[in-house]
PDB file of N, CA and C in Angstrom:
ATOM      1  N   MET A   1     -13.386 -21.000  15.330  1.00  0.00           N
ATOM      2  CA  MET A   1     -12.392 -21.263  14.271  1.00  0.00           C
ATOM      3  C   MET A   1     -13.030 -21.756  13.022  1.00  0.00           C
ATOM      4  N   ALA A   2     -14.083 -22.431  13.264  1.00  0.00           N
ATOM      5  CA  ALA A   2     -14.771 -22.965  11.993  1.00  0.00           C
ATOM      6  C   ALA A   2     -15.339 -21.771  11.100  1.00  0.00           C
ATOM      7  N   ALA A   3     -15.778 -20.787  11.768  1.00  0.00           N
ATOM      8  CA  ALA A   3     -16.254 -19.663  11.009  1.00  0.00           C
ATOM      9  C   ALA A   3     -15.132 -18.935  10.267  1.00  0.00           C
ATOM     10  N   ASP A   4     -13.885 -18.858  10.926  1.00  0.00           N
ATOM     11  CA  ASP A   4     -12.772 -18.280  10.224  1.00  0.00           C
ATOM     12  C   ASP A   4     -12.465 -19.123   8.967  1.00  0.00           C
ATOM     13  N   ALA A   5     -12.580 -20.368   9.016  1.00  0.00           N
ATOM     14  CA  ALA A   5     -12.288 -21.248   7.887  1.00  0.00           C
ATOM     15  C   ALA A   5     -13.194 -21.003   6.762  1.00  0.00           C
ATOM     16  N   VAL A   6     -14.496 -20.834   7.173  1.00  0.00           N
ATOM     17  CA  VAL A   6     -15.563 -20.642   6.177  1.00  0.00           C
ATOM     18  C   VAL A   6     -15.337 -19.300   5.556  1.00  0.00           C
ATOM     19  N   LEU A   7     -15.044 -18.292   6.324  1.00  0.00           N
ATOM     20  CA  LEU A   7     -14.834 -17.024   5.819  1.00  0.00           C
ATOM     21  C   LEU A   7     -13.595 -16.956   4.836  1.00  0.00           C
ATOM     22  N   SER A   8     -12.584 -17.560   5.219  1.00  0.00           N
ATOM     23  CA  SER A   8     -11.349 -17.641   4.373  1.00  0.00           C
ATOM     24  C   SER A   8     -11.625 -18.350   3.099  1.00  0.00           C
ATOM     25  N   ARG A   9     -12.442 -19.473   3.177  1.00  0.00           N
ATOM     26  CA  ARG A   9     -12.731 -20.194   1.940  1.00  0.00           C
ATOM     27  C   ARG A   9     -13.688 -19.324   1.079  1.00  0.00           C
ATOM     28  N   GLU A  10     -14.651 -18.558   1.667  1.00  0.00           N
ATOM     29  CA  GLU A  10     -15.462 -17.753   0.775  1.00  0.00           C
ATOM     30  C   GLU A  10     -14.675 -16.607   0.128  1.00  0.00           C
ATOM     31  N   LEU A  11     -13.716 -15.997   0.819  1.00  0.00           N
ATOM     32  CA  LEU A  11     -12.886 -14.923   0.315  1.00  0.00           C
ATOM     33  C   LEU A  11     -12.079 -15.511  -0.885  1.00  0.00           C
ATOM     34  N   LYS A  12     -11.510 -16.729  -0.749  1.00  0.00           N
ATOM     35  CA  LYS A  12     -10.714 -17.230  -1.691  1.00  0.00           C
ATOM     36  C   LYS A  12     -11.609 -17.582  -2.990  1.00  0.00           C
ATOM     37  N   GLU A  13     -12.806 -18.092  -2.793  1.00  0.00           N
ATOM     38  CA  GLU A  13     -13.733 -18.322  -3.871  1.00  0.00           C
ATOM     39  C   GLU A  13     -14.126 -16.970  -4.624  1.00  0.00           C
ATOM     40  N   LEU A  14     -14.351 -15.896  -3.768  1.00  0.00           N
ATOM     41  CA  LEU A  14     -14.632 -14.656  -4.390  1.00  0.00           C
ATOM     42  C   LEU A  14     -13.478 -14.167  -5.218  1.00  0.00           C
ATOM     43  N   HIS A  15     -12.299 -14.264  -4.674  1.00  0.00           N
ATOM     44  CA  HIS A  15     -11.087 -13.857  -5.373  1.00  0.00           C
ATOM     45  C   HIS A  15     -10.979 -14.559  -6.683  1.00  0.00           C
ATOM     46  N   ALA A  16     -11.170 -15.857  -6.651  1.00  0.00           N
ATOM     47  CA  ALA A  16     -11.061 -16.731  -7.820  1.00  0.00           C
ATOM     48  C   ALA A  16     -12.130 -16.293  -8.905  1.00  0.00           C
ATOM     49  N   GLU A  17     -13.276 -15.941  -8.375  1.00  0.00           N
ATOM     50  CA  GLU A  17     -14.370 -15.644  -9.359  1.00  0.00           C
ATOM     51  C   GLU A  17     -14.047 -14.280  -9.976  1.00  0.00           C
ATOM     52  N   LEU A  18     -13.533 -13.398  -9.241  1.00  0.00           N
ATOM     53  CA  LEU A  18     -13.211 -12.041  -9.785  1.00  0.00           C
ATOM     54  C   LEU A  18     -11.982 -12.124 -10.727  1.00  0.00           C
ATOM     55  N   SER A  19     -11.108 -13.049 -10.493  1.00  0.00           N
ATOM     56  CA  SER A  19     -10.002 -13.192 -11.361  1.00  0.00           C
ATOM     57  C   SER A  19     -10.328 -13.900 -12.647  1.00  0.00           C
ATOM     58  N   SER A  20     -11.354 -14.635 -12.724  1.00  0.00           N
ATOM     59  CA  SER A  20     -11.676 -15.369 -13.964  1.00  0.00           C
ATOM     60  C   SER A  20     -12.277 -14.317 -14.940  1.00  0.00           C
ATOM     61  N   PRO A  21     -12.150 -14.568 -16.216  1.00  0.00           N
ATOM     62  CA  PRO A  21     -12.747 -13.777 -17.236  1.00  0.00           C
ATOM     63  C   PRO A  21     -14.219 -13.690 -17.110  1.00  0.00           C
ATOM     64  N   ARG A  22     -14.840 -12.739 -17.615  1.00  0.00           N
ATOM     65  CA  ARG A  22     -16.386 -12.567 -17.438  1.00  0.00           C
ATOM     66  C   ARG A  22     -17.074 -13.704 -18.120  1.00  0.00           C
ATOM     67  N   ARG A  23     -16.738 -14.198 -19.290  1.00  0.00           N
ATOM     68  CA  ARG A  23     -17.482 -15.238 -19.952  1.00  0.00           C
ATOM     69  C   ARG A  23     -17.412 -16.625 -19.262  1.00  0.00           C
ATOM     70  N   GLU A  24     -16.381 -16.834 -18.415  1.00  0.00           N
ATOM     71  CA  GLU A  24     -16.237 -18.034 -17.730  1.00  0.00           C
ATOM     72  C   GLU A  24     -17.083 -18.175 -16.430  1.00  0.00           C
ATOM     73  N   ARG A  25     -17.525 -17.105 -15.930  1.00  0.00           N
ATOM     74  CA  ARG A  25     -18.286 -17.094 -14.653  1.00  0.00           C
ATOM     75  C   ARG A  25     -19.605 -17.674 -14.757  1.00  0.00           C
ATOM     76  N   GLN A  26     -20.040 -18.308 -13.811  1.00  0.00           N
ATOM     77  CA  GLN A  26     -21.388 -18.886 -13.674  1.00  0.00           C
ATOM     78  C   GLN A  26     -22.346 -17.920 -13.162  1.00  0.00           C
ATOM     79  N   PRO A  27     -23.497 -17.568 -13.793  1.00  0.00           N
ATOM     80  CA  PRO A  27     -24.458 -16.619 -13.253  1.00  0.00           C
ATOM     81  C   PRO A  27     -25.117 -17.226 -12.017  1.00  0.00           C
ATOM     82  N   LEU A  28     -25.527 -16.394 -11.102  1.00  0.00           N
ATOM     83  CA  LEU A  28     -26.249 -16.832  -9.930  1.00  0.00           C
ATOM     84  C   LEU A  28     -27.760 -17.126 -10.410  1.00  0.00           C
ATOM     85  N   ALA A  29     -28.335 -17.896  -9.504  1.00  0.00           N
ATOM     86  CA  ALA A  29     -29.666 -18.369  -9.862  1.00  0.00           C
ATOM     87  C   ALA A  29     -30.610 -17.208 -10.227  1.00  0.00           C
ATOM     88  N   GLY A  30     -30.639 -16.170  -9.472  1.00  0.00           N
ATOM     89  CA  GLY A  30     -31.471 -15.034  -9.712  1.00  0.00           C
ATOM     90  C   GLY A  30     -31.047 -14.209 -10.953  1.00  0.00           C
ATOM     91  N   ASP A  31     -29.742 -14.357 -11.366  1.00  0.00           N
ATOM     92  CA  ASP A  31     -29.220 -13.608 -12.522  1.00  0.00           C
ATOM     93  C   ASP A  31     -29.327 -14.329 -13.828  1.00  0.00           C
ATOM     94  N   ARG A  32     -29.775 -15.614 -13.778  1.00  0.00           N
ATOM     95  CA  ARG A  32     -29.839 -16.450 -14.994  1.00  0.00           C
ATOM     96  C   ARG A  32     -30.751 -15.819 -16.126  1.00  0.00           C
ATOM     97  N   ALA A  33     -31.918 -15.335 -15.640  1.00  0.00           N
ATOM     98  CA  ALA A  33     -32.893 -14.801 -16.629  1.00  0.00           C
ATOM     99  C   ALA A  33     -32.341 -13.467 -17.185  1.00  0.00           C
ATOM    100  N   ALA A  34     -31.657 -12.671 -16.336  1.00  0.00           N
ATOM    101  CA  ALA A  34     -31.158 -11.370 -16.823  1.00  0.00           C
ATOM    102  C   ALA A  34     -29.867 -11.731 -17.695  1.00  0.00           C
ATOM    103  N   ALA A  35     -29.130 -12.720 -17.394  1.00  0.00           N
ATOM    104  CA  ALA A  35     -28.032 -13.090 -18.235  1.00  0.00           C
ATOM    105  C   ALA A  35     -28.410 -13.645 -19.547  1.00  0.00           C
ATOM    106  N   ALA A  36     -29.511 -14.422 -19.525  1.00  0.00           N
ATOM    107  CA  ALA A  36     -30.039 -14.839 -20.896  1.00  0.00           C
ATOM    108  C   ALA A  36     -30.589 -13.635 -21.742  1.00  0.00           C
ATOM    109  N   ALA A  37     -31.243 -12.741 -21.175  1.00  0.00           N
ATOM    110  CA  ALA A  37     -31.674 -11.658 -21.864  1.00  0.00           C
ATOM    111  C   ALA A  37     -30.549 -10.699 -22.325  1.00  0.00           C
ATOM    112  N   ASP A  38     -29.529 -10.595 -21.508  1.00  0.00           N
ATOM    113  CA  ASP A  38     -28.297  -9.850 -21.890  1.00  0.00           C
ATOM    114  C   ASP A  38     -27.583 -10.474 -23.099  1.00  0.00           C
ATOM    115  N   LYS A  39     -27.534 -11.853 -23.047  1.00  0.00           N
ATOM    116  CA  LYS A  39     -26.835 -12.497 -24.193  1.00  0.00           C
ATOM    117  C   LYS A  39     -27.574 -12.318 -25.459  1.00  0.00           C
ATOM    118  N   THR A  40     -28.895 -12.331 -25.449  1.00  0.00           N
ATOM    119  CA  THR A  40     -29.636 -12.066 -26.700  1.00  0.00           C
ATOM    120  C   THR A  40     -29.563 -10.635 -27.217  1.00  0.00           C
ATOM    121  N   ALA A  41     -29.436  -9.709 -26.209  1.00  0.00           N
ATOM    122  CA  ALA A  41     -29.394  -8.267 -26.494  1.00  0.00           C
ATOM    123  C   ALA A  41     -27.998  -7.938 -27.190  1.00  0.00           C
ATOM    124  N   ARG A  42     -27.000  -8.546 -26.696  1.00  0.00           N
ATOM    125  CA  ARG A  42     -25.668  -8.221 -27.103  1.00  0.00           C
ATOM    126  C   ARG A  42     -24.863  -9.460 -27.448  1.00  0.00           C
ATOM    127  N   ALA A  43     -24.329  -9.506 -28.617  1.00  0.00           N
ATOM    128  CA  ALA A  43     -23.644 -10.699 -28.977  1.00  0.00           C
ATOM    129  C   ALA A  43     -22.219 -10.679 -28.481  1.00  0.00           C
ATOM    130  N   LEU A  44     -21.639  -9.478 -28.482  1.00  0.00           N
ATOM    131  CA  LEU A  44     -20.258  -9.290 -27.988  1.00  0.00           C
ATOM    132  C   LEU A  44     -20.228  -8.719 -26.572  1.00  0.00           C
ATOM    133  N   PRO A  45     -19.338  -9.174 -25.710  1.00  0.00           N
ATOM    134  CA  PRO A  45     -19.235  -8.626 -24.316  1.00  0.00           C
ATOM    135  C   PRO A  45     -18.843  -7.180 -24.376  1.00  0.00           C
ATOM    136  N   PRO A  46     -19.330  -6.341 -23.519  1.00  0.00           N
ATOM    137  CA  PRO A  46     -19.029  -4.978 -23.510  1.00  0.00           C
ATOM    138  C   PRO A  46     -17.561  -4.730 -22.992  1.00  0.00           C
ATOM    139  N   GLU A  47     -16.997  -3.669 -23.445  1.00  0.00           N
ATOM    140  CA  GLU A  47     -15.682  -3.284 -23.034  1.00  0.00           C
ATOM    141  C   GLU A  47     -15.710  -2.737 -21.635  1.00  0.00           C
ATOM    142  N   GLU A  48     -14.739  -3.095 -20.807  1.00  0.00           N
ATOM    143  CA  GLU A  48     -14.730  -2.569 -19.470  1.00  0.00           C
ATOM    144  C   GLU A  48     -14.285  -1.177 -19.478  1.00  0.00           C
ATOM    145  N   THR A  49     -14.839  -0.348 -18.763  1.00  0.00           N
ATOM    146  CA  THR A  49     -14.450   1.096 -18.622  1.00  0.00           C
ATOM    147  C   THR A  49     -13.298   1.159 -17.687  1.00  0.00           C
ATOM    148  N   ALA A  50     -12.531   2.207 -17.677  1.00  0.00           N
ATOM    149  CA  ALA A  50     -11.437   2.465 -16.728  1.00  0.00           C
ATOM    150  C   ALA A  50     -11.910   2.441 -15.263  1.00  0.00           C
ATOM    151  N   GLU A  51     -13.140   2.947 -15.072  1.00  0.00           N
ATOM    152  CA  GLU A  51     -13.721   2.934 -13.668  1.00  0.00           C
ATOM    153  C   GLU A  51     -13.933   1.534 -13.220  1.00  0.00           C
ATOM    154  N   GLU A  52     -14.575   0.729 -14.138  1.00  0.00           N
ATOM    155  CA  GLU A  52     -14.796  -0.757 -13.703  1.00  0.00           C
ATOM    156  C   GLU A  52     -13.524  -1.462 -13.426  1.00  0.00           C
ATOM    157  N   GLN A  53     -12.563  -1.194 -14.269  1.00  0.00           N
ATOM    158  CA  GLN A  53     -11.270  -1.847 -13.971  1.00  0.00           C
ATOM    159  C   GLN A  53     -10.661  -1.395 -12.805  1.00  0.00           C
ATOM    160  N   GLN A  54     -10.704  -0.166 -12.437  1.00  0.00           N
ATOM    161  CA  GLN A  54     -10.153   0.383 -11.216  1.00  0.00           C
ATOM    162  C   GLN A  54     -10.888  -0.185 -10.008  1.00  0.00           C
ATOM    163  N   LEU A  55     -12.223  -0.302 -10.082  1.00  0.00           N
ATOM    164  CA  LEU A  55     -13.032  -0.907  -9.057  1.00  0.00           C
ATOM    165  C   LEU A  55     -12.679  -2.245  -8.842  1.00  0.00           C
ATOM    166  N   LYS A  56     -12.512  -3.068  -9.890  1.00  0.00           N
ATOM    167  CA  LYS A  56     -12.104  -4.439  -9.734  1.00  0.00           C
ATOM    168  C   LYS A  56     -10.749  -4.579  -9.111  1.00  0.00           C
ATOM    169  N   ASP A  57      -9.840  -3.812  -9.481  1.00  0.00           N
ATOM    170  CA  ASP A  57      -8.454  -3.807  -8.883  1.00  0.00           C
ATOM    171  C   ASP A  57      -8.502  -3.490  -7.423  1.00  0.00           C
ATOM    172  N   GLU A  58      -9.268  -2.474  -6.994  1.00  0.00           N
ATOM    173  CA  GLU A  58      -9.401  -2.167  -5.617  1.00  0.00           C
ATOM    174  C   GLU A  58     -10.085  -3.218  -4.781  1.00  0.00           C
ATOM    175  N   LEU A  59     -11.094  -3.873  -5.425  1.00  0.00           N
ATOM    176  CA  LEU A  59     -11.777  -4.961  -4.780  1.00  0.00           C
ATOM    177  C   LEU A  59     -10.902  -6.127  -4.556  1.00  0.00           C
ATOM    178  N   ARG A  60     -10.143  -6.533  -5.556  1.00  0.00           N
ATOM    179  CA  ARG A  60      -9.111  -7.651  -5.491  1.00  0.00           C
ATOM    180  C   ARG A  60      -8.104  -7.211  -4.352  1.00  0.00           C
ATOM    181  N   GLU A  61      -7.601  -6.018  -4.302  1.00  0.00           N
ATOM    182  CA  GLU A  61      -6.658  -5.631  -3.248  1.00  0.00           C
ATOM    183  C   GLU A  61      -7.345  -5.726  -1.857  1.00  0.00           C
ATOM    184  N   PHE A  62      -8.542  -5.313  -1.813  1.00  0.00           N
ATOM    185  CA  PHE A  62      -9.272  -5.451  -0.464  1.00  0.00           C
ATOM    186  C   PHE A  62      -9.390  -6.920  -0.073  1.00  0.00           C
ATOM    187  N   ILE A  63      -9.810  -7.829  -0.945  1.00  0.00           N
ATOM    188  CA  ILE A  63      -9.960  -9.186  -0.689  1.00  0.00           C
ATOM    189  C   ILE A  63      -8.581  -9.803  -0.277  1.00  0.00           C
ATOM    190  N   ASP A  64      -7.593  -9.355  -1.009  1.00  0.00           N
ATOM    191  CA  ASP A  64      -6.215  -9.914  -0.550  1.00  0.00           C
ATOM    192  C   ASP A  64      -5.858  -9.476   0.870  1.00  0.00           C
ATOM    193  N   THR A  65      -6.077  -8.237   1.241  1.00  0.00           N
ATOM    194  CA  THR A  65      -5.846  -7.744   2.433  1.00  0.00           C
ATOM    195  C   THR A  65      -6.638  -8.356   3.607  1.00  0.00           C
ATOM    196  N   VAL A  66      -7.976  -8.552   3.347  1.00  0.00           N
ATOM    197  CA  VAL A  66      -8.812  -9.194   4.324  1.00  0.00           C
ATOM    198  C   VAL A  66      -8.346 -10.663   4.523  1.00  0.00           C
ATOM    199  N   THR A  67      -7.965 -11.411   3.390  1.00  0.00           N
ATOM    200  CA  THR A  67      -7.449 -12.796   3.486  1.00  0.00           C
ATOM    201  C   THR A  67      -6.194 -12.834   4.290  1.00  0.00           C
ATOM    202  N   GLU A  68      -5.332 -11.873   4.028  1.00  0.00           N
ATOM    203  CA  GLU A  68      -4.055 -11.932   4.794  1.00  0.00           C
ATOM    204  C   GLU A  68      -4.258 -11.633   6.266  1.00  0.00           C
ATOM    205  N   PHE A  69      -5.252 -10.707   6.563  1.00  0.00           N
ATOM    206  CA  PHE A  69      -5.549 -10.390   7.927  1.00  0.00           C
ATOM    207  C   PHE A  69      -6.149 -11.643   8.539  1.00  0.00           C
ATOM    208  N   VAL A  70      -7.041 -12.367   8.002  1.00  0.00           N
ATOM    209  CA  VAL A  70      -7.636 -13.531   8.621  1.00  0.00           C
ATOM    210  C   VAL A  70      -6.563 -14.669   8.796  1.00  0.00           C
ATOM    211  N   GLU A  71      -5.745 -14.830   7.847  1.00  0.00           N
ATOM    212  CA  GLU A  71      -4.676 -15.752   8.038  1.00  0.00           C
ATOM    213  C   GLU A  71      -3.691 -15.419   9.109  1.00  0.00           C
ATOM    214  N   GLU A  72      -3.369 -14.173   9.309  1.00  0.00           N
ATOM    215  CA  GLU A  72      -2.483 -13.738  10.270  1.00  0.00           C
ATOM    216  C   GLU A  72      -3.062 -13.897  11.643  1.00  0.00           C
ATOM    217  N   THR A  73      -4.450 -13.580  11.727  1.00  0.00           N
ATOM    218  CA  THR A  73      -5.174 -13.663  12.957  1.00  0.00           C
ATOM    219  C   THR A  73      -5.221 -15.121  13.341  1.00  0.00           C
ATOM    220  N   GLU A  74      -5.409 -16.034  12.468  1.00  0.00           N
ATOM    221  CA  GLU A  74      -5.505 -17.464  12.770  1.00  0.00           C
ATOM    222  C   GLU A  74      -4.152 -17.937  13.320  1.00  0.00           C
ATOM    223  N   LYS A  75      -3.057 -17.408  12.714  1.00  0.00           N
ATOM    224  CA  LYS A  75      -1.755 -17.793  13.190  1.00  0.00           C
ATOM    225  C   LYS A  75      -1.541 -17.332  14.691  1.00  0.00           C
ATOM    226  N   ASN A  76      -1.883 -16.042  14.878  1.00  0.00           N
ATOM    227  CA  ASN A  76      -1.648 -15.426  16.235  1.00  0.00           C
ATOM    228  C   ASN A  76      -2.512 -16.123  17.302  1.00  0.00           C
ATOM    229  N   VAL A  77      -3.813 -16.464  16.982  1.00  0.00           N
ATOM    230  CA  VAL A  77      -4.645 -17.135  17.922  1.00  0.00           C
ATOM    231  C   VAL A  77      -4.128 -18.486  18.198  1.00  0.00           C
ATOM    232  N   SER A  78      -3.698 -19.171  17.292  1.00  0.00           N
ATOM    233  CA  SER A  78      -3.245 -20.491  17.467  1.00  0.00           C
ATOM    234  C   SER A  78      -1.959 -20.565  18.251  1.00  0.00           C
ATOM    235  N   ALA A  79      -1.078 -19.447  18.039  1.00  0.00           N
ATOM    236  CA  ALA A  79       0.197 -19.442  18.776  1.00  0.00           C
ATOM    237  C   ALA A  79       0.009 -19.026  20.207  1.00  0.00           C
ATOM    238  N   HIS A  80      -1.000 -18.112  20.441  1.00  0.00           N
ATOM    239  CA  HIS A  80      -1.295 -17.601  21.801  1.00  0.00           C
ATOM    240  C   HIS A  80      -2.737 -17.735  22.241  1.00  0.00           C
ATOM    241  N   PRO A  81      -3.277 -18.954  22.486  1.00  0.00           N
ATOM    242  CA  PRO A  81      -4.627 -19.153  22.702  1.00  0.00           C
ATOM    243  C   PRO A  81      -5.131 -18.486  24.011  1.00  0.00           C
ATOM    244  N   ALA A  82      -4.286 -18.573  25.067  1.00  0.00           N
ATOM    245  CA  ALA A  82      -4.779 -18.050  26.350  1.00  0.00           C
ATOM    246  C   ALA A  82      -4.814 -16.490  26.304  1.00  0.00           C
ATOM    247  N   ALA A  83      -3.851 -15.870  25.691  1.00  0.00           N
ATOM    248  CA  ALA A  83      -3.910 -14.407  25.545  1.00  0.00           C
ATOM    249  C   ALA A  83      -5.095 -13.993  24.642  1.00  0.00           C
ATOM    250  N   SER A  84      -5.380 -14.748  23.645  1.00  0.00           N
ATOM    251  CA  SER A  84      -6.468 -14.369  22.803  1.00  0.00           C
ATOM    252  C   SER A  84      -7.856 -14.452  23.501  1.00  0.00           C
ATOM    253  N   VAL A  85      -8.015 -15.519  24.397  1.00  0.00           N
ATOM    254  CA  VAL A  85      -9.236 -15.670  25.079  1.00  0.00           C
ATOM    255  C   VAL A  85      -9.419 -14.516  26.151  1.00  0.00           C
ATOM    256  N   VAL A  86      -8.210 -14.144  26.825  1.00  0.00           N
ATOM    257  CA  VAL A  86      -8.323 -13.188  27.878  1.00  0.00           C
ATOM    258  C   VAL A  86      -8.588 -11.833  27.224  1.00  0.00           C
ATOM    259  N   GLY A  87      -8.015 -11.540  26.051  1.00  0.00           N
ATOM    260  CA  GLY A  87      -8.238 -10.296  25.248  1.00  0.00           C
ATOM    261  C   GLY A  87      -9.741 -10.230  24.805  1.00  0.00           C
ATOM    262  N   ALA A  88     -10.221 -11.264  24.350  1.00  0.00           N
ATOM    263  CA  ALA A  88     -11.622 -11.288  23.867  1.00  0.00           C
ATOM    264  C   ALA A  88     -12.515 -11.077  25.093  1.00  0.00           C
ATOM    265  N   LEU A  89     -12.253 -11.674  26.190  1.00  0.00           N
ATOM    266  CA  LEU A  89     -13.054 -11.485  27.376  1.00  0.00           C
ATOM    267  C   LEU A  89     -13.000 -10.023  27.816  1.00  0.00           C
ATOM    268  N   LEU A  90     -11.817  -9.378  27.870  1.00  0.00           N
ATOM    269  CA  LEU A  90     -11.775  -7.985  28.255  1.00  0.00           C
ATOM    270  C   LEU A  90     -12.541  -7.028  27.295  1.00  0.00           C
ATOM    271  N   VAL A  91     -12.415  -7.341  25.981  1.00  0.00           N
ATOM    272  CA  VAL A  91     -13.113  -6.514  24.960  1.00  0.00           C
ATOM    273  C   VAL A  91     -14.571  -6.658  25.154  1.00  0.00           C
ATOM    274  N   GLY A  92     -15.138  -7.932  25.389  1.00  0.00           N
ATOM    275  CA  GLY A  92     -16.501  -8.176  25.691  1.00  0.00           C
ATOM    276  C   GLY A  92     -17.034  -7.398  26.917  1.00  0.00           C
ATOM    277  N   ILE A  93     -16.194  -7.439  27.967  1.00  0.00           N
ATOM    278  CA  ILE A  93     -16.616  -6.774  29.202  1.00  0.00           C
ATOM    279  C   ILE A  93     -16.712  -5.271  28.924  1.00  0.00           C
ATOM    280  N   LEU A  94     -15.736  -4.711  28.174  1.00  0.00           N
ATOM    281  CA  LEU A  94     -15.664  -3.300  27.924  1.00  0.00           C
ATOM    282  C   LEU A  94     -16.896  -2.891  27.123  1.00  0.00           C
ATOM    283  N   ILE A  95     -17.219  -3.656  25.961  1.00  0.00           N
ATOM    284  CA  ILE A  95     -18.406  -3.356  25.157  1.00  0.00           C
ATOM    285  C   ILE A  95     -19.646  -3.514  25.958  1.00  0.00           C
ATOM    286  N   GLY A  96     -19.755  -4.538  26.851  1.00  0.00           N
ATOM    287  CA  GLY A  96     -20.921  -4.663  27.704  1.00  0.00           C
ATOM    288  C   GLY A  96     -21.138  -3.455  28.628  1.00  0.00           C
ATOM    289  N   ARG A  97     -20.142  -2.967  29.196  1.00  0.00           N
ATOM    290  CA  ARG A  97     -20.202  -1.822  30.053  1.00  0.00           C
ATOM    291  C   ARG A  97     -20.613  -0.532  29.277  1.00  0.00           C
ATOM    292  N   LEU A  98     -19.999  -0.334  28.101  1.00  0.00           N
ATOM    293  CA  LEU A  98     -20.331   0.849  27.373  1.00  0.00           C
ATOM    294  C   LEU A  98     -21.776   0.814  26.880  1.00  0.00           C
ATOM    295  N   LEU A  99     -22.263  -0.417  26.488  1.00  0.00           N
ATOM    296  CA  LEU A  99     -23.693  -0.527  26.017  1.00  0.00           C
ATOM    297  C   LEU A  99     -24.637  -0.550  27.166  1.00  0.00           C
ATOM    298  N   GLY A 100     -24.210  -0.862  28.329  1.00  0.00           N
ATOM    299  CA  GLY A 100     -25.186  -1.007  29.484  1.00  0.00           C
ATOM    300  C   GLY A 100     -25.390   0.379  30.015  1.00  0.00           C
ATOM    301  N   ARG A 101     -24.635   1.354  29.780  1.00  0.00           N
ATOM    302  CA  ARG A 101     -24.864   2.729  30.299  1.00  0.00           C
ATOM    303  C   ARG A 101     -25.882   3.459  29.393  1.00  0.00           C
ATOM    304  N   ARG A 102     -26.861   4.044  29.989  1.00  0.00           N
ATOM    305  CA  ARG A 102     -27.847   4.797  29.212  1.00  0.00           C
ATOM    306  C   ARG A 102     -27.983   6.119  29.733  1.00  0.00           C
TER     307      ARG A 102
END
């Protein structure tokens, strides 16, 4: 369950980062040199193309869907813990049998 909380938190942070305007985002450690060079090369931020906007919209939708799925899964597991454990055990046995055959 701790991994689910971490995943949920990371998805929310990614969603917040994608929702913020480009100039407010903090560059990653590896991207700081590239960002500094980019700032000196261009004074004004570039216009987003339609493809970039569509990609961002699809990514936001995907993140929202995954976040909803994780939250719904957490609710179902906490509501039915025994059934979840039995289901996970059966899936593990099935995967083990399928991978064990050569």
